[in-house]
Amino acid sequence: PADDGGIRALAALRNEVEAAAETRDDLLAEYRAAVAAGPLSAEVEALQSIKGCGFALAAAFASEVGDFSRFRSGRQVTSYFGLAPKQRSSADSVRLGGISGAGDALVR
């Protein structure tokens, strides 16, 4: 015999997941429209060309950086977010350590 209570519970959970996914899609569409109309739309678009960088990450990164012209290089940007490795050097030796972890954890 089938467990009707379990089947109903599973159907209810499936409906909840589908409703949450629909809400997420609606919010993401609103977010995309707001970014497209905003001053950082070109930066967000450019960041998405980086492998593994989707819309949400690109938008968060661009909004955190704001004015990209304040950085002279990519190394400065990575240092700002704590993504550049620590470096120790002496004479002919250069050793790289872990990242500092400074900056915005959402972007990192």
Protein backbone atom coordinates (compact mmCIF):
# COMPACT_ATOMS: atom_id res chain seq x y z
CA PRO A 1 0.00 0.00 0.00
CA ALA A 2 1.18 3.50 -0.82
CA ASP A 3 1.87 5.98 1.93
CA ASP A 4 -0.64 8.69 0.97
CA GLY A 5 0.58 11.04 3.71
CA GLY A 6 4.15 10.79 2.46
CA ILE A 7 3.08 11.34 -1.13
CA ARG A 8 1.06 14.42 -0.15
CA ALA A 9 3.96 15.79 1.90
CA LEU A 10 6.37 15.25 -0.99
CA ALA A 11 3.96 16.98 -3.40
CA ALA A 12 3.61 19.92 -1.00
CA LEU A 13 7.38 20.22 -0.70
CA ARG A 14 7.77 20.09 -4.48
CA ASN A 15 5.23 22.91 -4.80
CA GLU A 16 7.14 24.98 -2.23
CA VAL A 17 10.42 24.46 -4.09
CA GLU A 18 8.82 25.42 -7.40
CA ALA A 19 7.29 28.58 -5.86
CA ALA A 20 10.66 29.56 -4.33
CA ALA A 21 12.40 29.04 -7.67
CA GLU A 22 9.81 31.22 -9.39
CA THR A 23 10.26 33.95 -6.77
CA ARG A 24 14.04 33.73 -7.19
CA ASP A 25 13.71 34.05 -10.96
CA ASP A 26 11.46 37.11 -10.59
CA LEU A 27 13.89 38.78 -8.17
CA LEU A 28 16.85 37.99 -10.42
CA ALA A 29 15.02 39.53 -13.40
CA GLU A 30 14.40 42.70 -11.36
CA TYR A 31 18.05 42.75 -10.29
CA ARG A 32 19.24 42.37 -13.88
CA ALA A 33 16.97 45.22 -15.00
CA ALA A 34 18.22 47.49 -12.21
CA VAL A 35 21.86 46.75 -13.03
CA ALA A 36 21.28 47.24 -16.77
CA ALA A 37 19.80 50.69 -16.08
CA GLY A 38 22.55 51.63 -13.62
CA PRO A 39 25.95 53.26 -14.04
CA LEU A 40 27.92 49.98 -13.72
CA SER A 41 26.17 48.00 -16.45
CA ALA A 42 29.21 48.00 -18.77
CA GLU A 43 31.49 46.83 -15.96
CA VAL A 44 29.09 44.04 -14.98
CA GLU A 45 28.88 42.93 -18.60
CA ALA A 46 32.68 42.93 -18.96
CA LEU A 47 33.20 41.00 -15.72
CA GLN A 48 30.87 38.25 -16.94
CA SER A 49 33.35 37.47 -19.71
CA ILE A 50 35.68 36.04 -17.04
CA LYS A 51 35.36 32.28 -16.78
CA GLY A 52 33.27 31.35 -13.75
CA CYS A 53 32.00 34.88 -13.17
CA GLY A 54 28.22 34.93 -13.51
CA PHE A 55 25.83 37.81 -13.24
CA ALA A 56 25.41 37.82 -9.44
CA LEU A 57 29.16 37.75 -8.78
CA ALA A 58 29.86 40.38 -11.44
CA ALA A 59 27.18 42.70 -10.02
CA ALA A 60 28.43 42.25 -6.44
CA PHE A 61 32.04 42.80 -7.51
CA ALA A 62 31.22 45.91 -9.57
CA SER A 63 29.07 47.43 -6.84
CA GLU A 64 31.80 46.85 -4.25
CA VAL A 65 34.55 48.35 -6.45
CA GLY A 66 32.45 51.22 -7.75
CA ASP A 67 34.95 53.28 -9.70
CA PHE A 68 37.37 50.90 -11.41
CA SER A 69 39.65 53.75 -12.47
CA ARG A 70 41.00 54.03 -8.92
CA PHE A 71 43.00 50.85 -9.51
CA ARG A 72 45.99 50.89 -11.85
CA SER A 73 46.24 47.12 -12.23
CA GLY A 74 44.50 43.84 -11.63
CA ARG A 75 46.97 43.15 -8.83
CA GLN A 76 45.68 46.20 -6.96
CA VAL A 77 42.11 44.93 -7.31
CA THR A 78 43.03 41.48 -6.02
CA SER A 79 44.89 43.04 -3.10
CA TYR A 80 41.87 45.22 -2.27
CA PHE A 81 39.72 42.09 -1.93
CA GLY A 82 42.38 40.08 -0.13
CA LEU A 83 42.86 37.69 -3.03
CA ALA A 84 46.52 38.42 -3.77
CA PRO A 85 48.91 35.96 -2.11
CA LYS A 86 51.29 37.19 0.55
CA GLN A 87 54.81 37.42 -0.80
CA ARG A 88 58.15 37.01 0.96
CA SER A 89 61.33 37.58 -0.96
CA SER A 90 65.02 37.68 -0.19
CA ALA A 91 67.86 37.86 -2.67
CA ASP A 92 66.94 35.41 -5.44
CA SER A 93 64.07 33.70 -3.62
CA VAL A 94 60.39 34.60 -3.86
CA ARG A 95 57.88 32.68 -1.76
CA LEU A 96 54.14 33.09 -2.06
CA GLY A 97 51.89 32.44 0.91
CA GLY A 98 48.15 32.27 1.38
CA ILE A 99 45.71 35.05 0.63
CA SER A 100 45.16 37.65 3.32
CA GLY A 101 41.37 37.33 3.30
CA ALA A 102 40.89 41.08 3.74
CA GLY A 103 38.07 42.86 1.98
CA ASP A 104 34.52 41.84 1.20
CA ALA A 105 33.85 38.14 1.88
CA LEU A 106 30.83 38.16 -0.45
CA VAL A 107 33.05 38.91 -3.43
CA ARG A 108 35.86 36.63 -2.28
